[in-house]
Amino acid sequence: EYAAGRTPNPCLRCNEKIKFEAVLDRAVAL
C-alpha cells in the first residue's frame, strides 16, 4: 500500500483478515 502511494491502517486489516476472518473461520470449523 505504501509503495502504491497510499496510507494503510494495519490494525484495521488485522481485524478484518486475521481476528475476524482466519480466526473466526477456524473457530466455527472447530
PDB file of all heavy atoms in Angstrom:
ATOM      1  N   GLU A   1       0.822  -1.207   0.000  1.00  0.00           N
ATOM      2  CA  GLU A   1       0.000   0.000   0.000  1.00  0.00           C
ATOM      3  C   GLU A   1       0.859   1.262   0.000  1.00  0.00           C
ATOM      4  O   GLU A   1       0.592   2.215  -0.736  1.00  0.00           O
ATOM      5  CB  GLU A   1      -0.940  -0.002   1.210  1.00  0.00           C
ATOM      6  CG  GLU A   1      -2.100  -0.962   1.091  1.00  0.00           C
ATOM      7  CD  GLU A   1      -3.083  -0.508   0.022  1.00  0.00           C
ATOM      8  OE1 GLU A   1      -3.846   0.438   0.281  1.00  0.00           O
ATOM      9  OE2 GLU A   1      -3.054  -1.088  -1.089  1.00  0.00           O
ATOM     10  N   TYR A   2       1.892   1.281   0.827  1.00  0.00           N
ATOM     11  CA  TYR A   2       2.789   2.438   0.829  1.00  0.00           C
ATOM     12  C   TYR A   2       3.498   2.588  -0.509  1.00  0.00           C
ATOM     13  O   TYR A   2       3.683   3.702  -1.014  1.00  0.00           O
ATOM     14  CB  TYR A   2       3.811   2.331   1.964  1.00  0.00           C
ATOM     15  CG  TYR A   2       3.379   3.038   3.228  1.00  0.00           C
ATOM     16  CD1 TYR A   2       2.884   2.333   4.313  1.00  0.00           C
ATOM     17  CD2 TYR A   2       3.457   4.425   3.327  1.00  0.00           C
ATOM     18  CE1 TYR A   2       2.478   2.989   5.474  1.00  0.00           C
ATOM     19  CE2 TYR A   2       3.055   5.087   4.473  1.00  0.00           C
ATOM     20  CZ  TYR A   2       2.566   4.364   5.543  1.00  0.00           C
ATOM     21  OH  TYR A   2       2.159   5.010   6.691  1.00  0.00           O
ATOM     22  N   ALA A   3       3.890   1.482  -1.113  1.00  0.00           N
ATOM     23  CA  ALA A   3       4.556   1.534  -2.416  1.00  0.00           C
ATOM     24  C   ALA A   3       3.631   2.114  -3.479  1.00  0.00           C
ATOM     25  O   ALA A   3       4.092   2.714  -4.454  1.00  0.00           O
ATOM     26  CB  ALA A   3       5.026   0.142  -2.826  1.00  0.00           C
ATOM     27  N   ALA A   4       2.322   1.951  -3.286  1.00  0.00           N
ATOM     28  CA  ALA A   4       1.341   2.460  -4.241  1.00  0.00           C
ATOM     29  C   ALA A   4       0.893   3.881  -3.914  1.00  0.00           C
ATOM     30  O   ALA A   4      -0.031   4.404  -4.544  1.00  0.00           O
ATOM     31  CB  ALA A   4       0.129   1.539  -4.275  1.00  0.00           C
ATOM     32  N   GLY A   5       1.532   4.511  -2.923  1.00  0.00           N
ATOM     33  CA  GLY A   5       1.204   5.887  -2.589  1.00  0.00           C
ATOM     34  C   GLY A   5       0.033   6.037  -1.638  1.00  0.00           C
ATOM     35  O   GLY A   5      -0.492   7.134  -1.464  1.00  0.00           O
ATOM     36  N   ARG A   6      -0.380   4.942  -1.005  1.00  0.00           N
ATOM     37  CA  ARG A   6      -1.497   5.003  -0.074  1.00  0.00           C
ATOM     38  C   ARG A   6      -1.007   4.833   1.365  1.00  0.00           C
ATOM     39  O   ARG A   6       0.115   4.404   1.598  1.00  0.00           O
ATOM     40  CB  ARG A   6      -2.528   3.926  -0.423  1.00  0.00           C
ATOM     41  CG  ARG A   6      -3.173   4.134  -1.795  1.00  0.00           C
ATOM     42  CD  ARG A   6      -4.257   3.114  -2.075  1.00  0.00           C
ATOM     43  NE  ARG A   6      -3.713   1.790  -2.361  1.00  0.00           N
ATOM     44  CZ  ARG A   6      -3.442   1.322  -3.576  1.00  0.00           C
ATOM     45  NH1 ARG A   6      -3.609   2.104  -4.635  1.00  0.00           N
ATOM     46  NH2 ARG A   6      -2.981   0.090  -3.749  1.00  0.00           N
ATOM     47  N   THR A   7      -1.873   5.160   2.319  1.00  0.00           N
ATOM     48  CA  THR A   7      -1.522   5.075   3.738  1.00  0.00           C
ATOM     49  C   THR A   7      -2.455   4.079   4.409  1.00  0.00           C
ATOM     50  O   THR A   7      -3.595   4.412   4.750  1.00  0.00           O
ATOM     51  CB  THR A   7      -1.652   6.452   4.415  1.00  0.00           C
ATOM     52  OG1 THR A   7      -0.876   7.414   3.702  1.00  0.00           O
ATOM     53  CG2 THR A   7      -1.163   6.381   5.863  1.00  0.00           C
ATOM     54  N   PRO A   8      -2.034   2.835   4.595  1.00  0.00           N
ATOM     55  CA  PRO A   8      -2.918   1.796   5.140  1.00  0.00           C
ATOM     56  C   PRO A   8      -3.061   1.890   6.650  1.00  0.00           C
ATOM     57  O   PRO A   8      -2.285   2.563   7.332  1.00  0.00           O
ATOM     58  CB  PRO A   8      -2.188   0.512   4.742  1.00  0.00           C
ATOM     59  CG  PRO A   8      -0.738   0.903   4.788  1.00  0.00           C
ATOM     60  CD  PRO A   8      -0.690   2.326   4.275  1.00  0.00           C
ATOM     61  N   ASN A   9      -4.071   1.204   7.171  1.00  0.00           N
ATOM     62  CA  ASN A   9      -4.254   1.059   8.614  1.00  0.00           C
ATOM     63  C   ASN A   9      -4.108  -0.425   8.945  1.00  0.00           C
ATOM     64  O   ASN A   9      -5.044  -1.206   8.747  1.00  0.00           O
ATOM     65  CB  ASN A   9      -5.642   1.569   9.034  1.00  0.00           C
ATOM     66  CG  ASN A   9      -5.826   1.553  10.545  1.00  0.00           C
ATOM     67  OD1 ASN A   9      -5.486   0.590  11.214  1.00  0.00           O
ATOM     68  ND2 ASN A   9      -6.359   2.633  11.085  1.00  0.00           N
ATOM     69  N   PRO A  10      -2.931  -0.852   9.422  1.00  0.00           N
ATOM     70  CA  PRO A  10      -2.702  -2.284   9.641  1.00  0.00           C
ATOM     71  C   PRO A  10      -3.569  -2.892  10.736  1.00  0.00           C
ATOM     72  O   PRO A  10      -3.885  -4.086  10.674  1.00  0.00           O
ATOM     73  CB  PRO A  10      -1.214  -2.356   9.996  1.00  0.00           C
ATOM     74  CG  PRO A  10      -0.881  -0.989  10.504  1.00  0.00           C
ATOM     75  CD  PRO A  10      -1.742  -0.039   9.731  1.00  0.00           C
ATOM     76  N   CYS A  11      -3.984  -2.092  11.739  1.00  0.00           N
ATOM     77  CA  CYS A  11      -4.849  -2.635  12.789  1.00  0.00           C
ATOM     78  C   CYS A  11      -6.212  -3.017  12.208  1.00  0.00           C
ATOM     79  O   CYS A  11      -6.779  -4.057  12.555  1.00  0.00           O
ATOM     80  CB  CYS A  11      -5.027  -1.618  13.913  1.00  0.00           C
ATOM     81  SG  CYS A  11      -3.510  -1.293  14.830  1.00  0.00           S
ATOM     82  N   LEU A  12      -6.725  -2.176  11.326  1.00  0.00           N
ATOM     83  CA  LEU A  12      -7.989  -2.482  10.670  1.00  0.00           C
ATOM     84  C   LEU A  12      -7.857  -3.742   9.825  1.00  0.00           C
ATOM     85  O   LEU A  12      -8.722  -4.619   9.843  1.00  0.00           O
ATOM     86  CB  LEU A  12      -8.412  -1.282   9.823  1.00  0.00           C
ATOM     87  CG  LEU A  12      -9.786  -1.315   9.167  1.00  0.00           C
ATOM     88  CD1 LEU A  12     -10.325   0.105   9.038  1.00  0.00           C
ATOM     89  CD2 LEU A  12      -9.710  -1.953   7.786  1.00  0.00           C
ATOM     90  N   ARG A  13      -6.758  -3.832   9.082  1.00  0.00           N
ATOM     91  CA  ARG A  13      -6.558  -5.006   8.221  1.00  0.00           C
ATOM     92  C   ARG A  13      -6.404  -6.272   9.049  1.00  0.00           C
ATOM     93  O   ARG A  13      -6.886  -7.343   8.677  1.00  0.00           O
ATOM     94  CB  ARG A  13      -5.325  -4.797   7.350  1.00  0.00           C
ATOM     95  CG  ARG A  13      -5.233  -5.740   6.177  1.00  0.00           C
ATOM     96  CD  ARG A  13      -6.375  -5.547   5.184  1.00  0.00           C
ATOM     97  NE  ARG A  13      -6.361  -4.215   4.603  1.00  0.00           N
ATOM     98  CZ  ARG A  13      -7.416  -3.406   4.574  1.00  0.00           C
ATOM     99  NH1 ARG A  13      -8.579  -3.800   5.083  1.00  0.00           N
ATOM    100  NH2 ARG A  13      -7.343  -2.212   4.032  1.00  0.00           N
ATOM    101  N   CYS A  14      -5.753  -6.175  10.211  1.00  0.00           N
ATOM    102  CA  CYS A  14      -5.583  -7.344  11.084  1.00  0.00           C
ATOM    103  C   CYS A  14      -6.932  -7.820  11.615  1.00  0.00           C
ATOM    104  O   CYS A  14      -7.209  -9.021  11.661  1.00  0.00           O
ATOM    105  CB  CYS A  14      -4.645  -6.994  12.235  1.00  0.00           C
ATOM    106  SG  CYS A  14      -4.281  -8.387  13.332  1.00  0.00           S
ATOM    107  N   ASN A  15      -7.781  -6.868  12.020  1.00  0.00           N
ATOM    108  CA  ASN A  15      -9.114  -7.261  12.481  1.00  0.00           C
ATOM    109  C   ASN A  15      -9.898  -7.934  11.370  1.00  0.00           C
ATOM    110  O   ASN A  15     -10.576  -8.939  11.593  1.00  0.00           O
ATOM    111  CB  ASN A  15      -9.881  -6.023  12.982  1.00  0.00           C
ATOM    112  CG  ASN A  15      -9.431  -5.586  14.354  1.00  0.00           C
ATOM    113  OD1 ASN A  15      -9.134  -6.408  15.206  1.00  0.00           O
ATOM    114  ND2 ASN A  15      -9.357  -4.286  14.572  1.00  0.00           N
ATOM    115  N   GLU A  16      -9.798  -7.373  10.165  1.00  0.00           N
ATOM    116  CA  GLU A  16     -10.558  -7.908   9.040  1.00  0.00           C
ATOM    117  C   GLU A  16     -10.058  -9.282   8.616  1.00  0.00           C
ATOM    118  O   GLU A  16     -10.851 -10.234   8.506  1.00  0.00           O
ATOM    119  CB  GLU A  16     -10.455  -6.941   7.855  1.00  0.00           C
ATOM    120  CG  GLU A  16     -11.142  -7.445   6.591  1.00  0.00           C
ATOM    121  CD  GLU A  16     -10.849  -6.589   5.378  1.00  0.00           C
ATOM    122  OE1 GLU A  16      -9.865  -5.810   5.416  1.00  0.00           O
ATOM    123  OE2 GLU A  16     -11.590  -6.699   4.385  1.00  0.00           O
ATOM    124  N   LYS A  17      -8.755  -9.409   8.378  1.00  0.00           N
ATOM    125  CA  LYS A  17      -8.209 -10.612   7.750  1.00  0.00           C
ATOM    126  C   LYS A  17      -7.781 -11.697   8.740  1.00  0.00           C
ATOM    127  O   LYS A  17      -7.797 -12.878   8.397  1.00  0.00           O
ATOM    128  CB  LYS A  17      -7.016 -10.238   6.874  1.00  0.00           C
ATOM    129  CG  LYS A  17      -7.371  -9.344   5.694  1.00  0.00           C
ATOM    130  CD  LYS A  17      -8.290 -10.059   4.720  1.00  0.00           C
ATOM    131  CE  LYS A  17      -8.566  -9.222   3.488  1.00  0.00           C
ATOM    132  NZ  LYS A  17      -9.470  -9.908   2.543  1.00  0.00           N
ATOM    133  N   ILE A  18      -7.377 -11.297   9.943  1.00  0.00           N
ATOM    134  CA  ILE A  18      -6.858 -12.285  10.894  1.00  0.00           C
ATOM    135  C   ILE A  18      -7.887 -12.592  11.986  1.00  0.00           C
ATOM    136  O   ILE A  18      -8.446 -13.686  12.042  1.00  0.00           O
ATOM    137  CB  ILE A  18      -5.544 -11.789  11.528  1.00  0.00           C
ATOM    138  CG1 ILE A  18      -4.503 -11.475  10.442  1.00  0.00           C
ATOM    139  CG2 ILE A  18      -5.004 -12.845  12.491  1.00  0.00           C
ATOM    140  CD1 ILE A  18      -4.131 -12.650   9.562  1.00  0.00           C
ATOM    141  N   LYS A  19      -8.205 -11.614  12.833  1.00  0.00           N
ATOM    142  CA  LYS A  19      -9.030 -11.895  14.005  1.00  0.00           C
ATOM    143  C   LYS A  19     -10.471 -12.251  13.665  1.00  0.00           C
ATOM    144  O   LYS A  19     -11.116 -13.026  14.383  1.00  0.00           O
ATOM    145  CB  LYS A  19      -8.985 -10.694  14.952  1.00  0.00           C
ATOM    146  CG  LYS A  19      -7.599 -10.453  15.537  1.00  0.00           C
ATOM    147  CD  LYS A  19      -7.545  -9.206  16.384  1.00  0.00           C
ATOM    148  CE  LYS A  19      -6.132  -8.966  16.898  1.00  0.00           C
ATOM    149  NZ  LYS A  19      -6.000  -7.691  17.624  1.00  0.00           N
ATOM    150  N   PHE A  20     -11.003 -11.666  12.576  1.00  0.00           N
ATOM    151  CA  PHE A  20     -12.399 -11.941  12.263  1.00  0.00           C
ATOM    152  C   PHE A  20     -12.586 -12.541  10.874  1.00  0.00           C
ATOM    153  O   PHE A  20     -13.634 -12.425  10.277  1.00  0.00           O
ATOM    154  CB  PHE A  20     -13.229 -10.666  12.421  1.00  0.00           C
ATOM    155  CG  PHE A  20     -13.358 -10.248  13.851  1.00  0.00           C
ATOM    156  CD1 PHE A  20     -12.495  -9.315  14.388  1.00  0.00           C
ATOM    157  CD2 PHE A  20     -14.316 -10.820  14.659  1.00  0.00           C
ATOM    158  CE1 PHE A  20     -12.597  -8.947  15.712  1.00  0.00           C
ATOM    159  CE2 PHE A  20     -14.427 -10.459  15.997  1.00  0.00           C
ATOM    160  CZ  PHE A  20     -13.558  -9.520  16.528  1.00  0.00           C
ATOM    161  N   GLU A  21     -11.569 -13.165  10.367  1.00  0.00           N
ATOM    162  CA  GLU A  21     -11.719 -13.970   9.155  1.00  0.00           C
ATOM    163  C   GLU A  21     -11.027 -15.304   9.387  1.00  0.00           C
ATOM    164  O   GLU A  21     -11.678 -16.331   9.552  1.00  0.00           O
ATOM    165  CB  GLU A  21     -11.145 -13.251   7.930  1.00  0.00           C
ATOM    166  CG  GLU A  21     -11.405 -14.001   6.629  1.00  0.00           C
ATOM    167  CD  GLU A  21     -11.029 -13.189   5.401  1.00  0.00           C
ATOM    168  OE1 GLU A  21     -11.572 -12.085   5.227  1.00  0.00           O
ATOM    169  OE2 GLU A  21     -10.177 -13.670   4.615  1.00  0.00           O
ATOM    170  N   ALA A  22      -9.705 -15.271   9.454  1.00  0.00           N
ATOM    171  CA  ALA A  22      -8.968 -16.525   9.636  1.00  0.00           C
ATOM    172  C   ALA A  22      -9.313 -17.185  10.979  1.00  0.00           C
ATOM    173  O   ALA A  22      -9.608 -18.388  11.045  1.00  0.00           O
ATOM    174  CB  ALA A  22      -7.468 -16.262   9.541  1.00  0.00           C
ATOM    175  N   VAL A  23      -9.295 -16.406  12.065  1.00  0.00           N
ATOM    176  CA  VAL A  23      -9.566 -16.978  13.387  1.00  0.00           C
ATOM    177  C   VAL A  23     -11.021 -17.409  13.509  1.00  0.00           C
ATOM    178  O   VAL A  23     -11.324 -18.514  13.986  1.00  0.00           O
ATOM    179  CB  VAL A  23      -9.205 -15.969  14.497  1.00  0.00           C
ATOM    180  CG1 VAL A  23      -9.695 -16.474  15.860  1.00  0.00           C
ATOM    181  CG2 VAL A  23      -7.703 -15.754  14.543  1.00  0.00           C
ATOM    182  N   LEU A  24     -11.936 -16.544  13.087  1.00  0.00           N
ATOM    183  CA  LEU A  24     -13.353 -16.878  13.203  1.00  0.00           C
ATOM    184  C   LEU A  24     -13.702 -18.092  12.348  1.00  0.00           C
ATOM    185  O   LEU A  24     -14.441 -18.977  12.788  1.00  0.00           O
ATOM    186  CB  LEU A  24     -14.205 -15.683  12.806  1.00  0.00           C
ATOM    187  CG  LEU A  24     -15.721 -15.854  12.946  1.00  0.00           C
ATOM    188  CD1 LEU A  24     -16.096 -16.239  14.371  1.00  0.00           C
ATOM    189  CD2 LEU A  24     -16.434 -14.579  12.534  1.00  0.00           C
ATOM    190  N   ASP A  25     -13.154 -18.157  11.144  1.00  0.00           N
ATOM    191  CA  ASP A  25     -13.419 -19.319  10.290  1.00  0.00           C
ATOM    192  C   ASP A  25     -12.937 -20.604  10.952  1.00  0.00           C
ATOM    193  O   ASP A  25     -13.633 -21.630  10.930  1.00  0.00           O
ATOM    194  CB  ASP A  25     -12.731 -19.148   8.932  1.00  0.00           C
ATOM    195  CG  ASP A  25     -13.422 -18.115   8.053  1.00  0.00           C
ATOM    196  OD1 ASP A  25     -14.528 -17.674   8.418  1.00  0.00           O
ATOM    197  OD2 ASP A  25     -12.846 -17.742   7.015  1.00  0.00           O
ATOM    198  N   ARG A  26     -11.741 -20.554  11.546  1.00  0.00           N
ATOM    199  CA  ARG A  26     -11.209 -21.743  12.206  1.00  0.00           C
ATOM    200  C   ARG A  26     -12.041 -22.087  13.436  1.00  0.00           C
ATOM    201  O   ARG A  26     -12.308 -23.264  13.713  1.00  0.00           O
ATOM    202  CB  ARG A  26      -9.742 -21.521  12.600  1.00  0.00           C
ATOM    203  CG  ARG A  26      -9.080 -22.752  13.171  1.00  0.00           C
ATOM    204  CD  ARG A  26      -7.636 -22.508  13.597  1.00  0.00           C
ATOM    205  NE  ARG A  26      -6.759 -22.195  12.471  1.00  0.00           N
ATOM    206  CZ  ARG A  26      -5.437 -22.051  12.590  1.00  0.00           C
ATOM    207  NH1 ARG A  26      -4.855 -22.192  13.784  1.00  0.00           N
ATOM    208  NH2 ARG A  26      -4.704 -21.756  11.538  1.00  0.00           N
ATOM    209  N   ALA A  27     -12.450 -21.057  14.183  1.00  0.00           N
ATOM    210  CA  ALA A  27     -13.247 -21.289  15.387  1.00  0.00           C
ATOM    211  C   ALA A  27     -14.572 -21.968  15.048  1.00  0.00           C
ATOM    212  O   ALA A  27     -14.983 -22.938  15.708  1.00  0.00           O
ATOM    213  CB  ALA A  27     -13.500 -19.959  16.101  1.00  0.00           C
ATOM    214  N   VAL A  28     -15.242 -21.484  14.014  1.00  0.00           N
ATOM    215  CA  VAL A  28     -16.524 -22.075  13.612  1.00  0.00           C
ATOM    216  C   VAL A  28     -16.325 -23.516  13.161  1.00  0.00           C
ATOM    217  O   VAL A  28     -17.113 -24.405  13.481  1.00  0.00           O
ATOM    218  CB  VAL A  28     -17.180 -21.229  12.501  1.00  0.00           C
ATOM    219  CG1 VAL A  28     -18.396 -21.944  11.924  1.00  0.00           C
ATOM    220  CG2 VAL A  28     -17.572 -19.857  13.039  1.00  0.00           C
ATOM    221  N   ALA A  29     -15.233 -23.754  12.427  1.00  0.00           N
ATOM    222  CA  ALA A  29     -14.949 -25.115  11.964  1.00  0.00           C
ATOM    223  C   ALA A  29     -14.710 -26.066  13.132  1.00  0.00           C
ATOM    224  O   ALA A  29     -14.981 -27.270  13.026  1.00  0.00           O
ATOM    225  CB  ALA A  29     -13.732 -25.100  11.032  1.00  0.00           C
ATOM    226  N   LEU A  30     -14.223 -25.523  14.244  1.00  0.00           N
ATOM    227  CA  LEU A  30     -13.955 -26.348  15.426  1.00  0.00           C
ATOM    228  C   LEU A  30     -15.162 -26.443  16.355  1.00  0.00           C
ATOM    229  O   LEU A  30     -15.065 -27.043  17.431  1.00  0.00           O
ATOM    230  CB  LEU A  30     -12.760 -25.768  16.197  1.00  0.00           C
ATOM    231  CG  LEU A  30     -11.401 -25.895  15.500  1.00  0.00           C
ATOM    232  CD1 LEU A  30     -10.329 -25.120  16.266  1.00  0.00           C
ATOM    233  CD2 LEU A  30     -10.996 -27.361  15.363  1.00  0.00           C
TER     234      LEU A  30
END
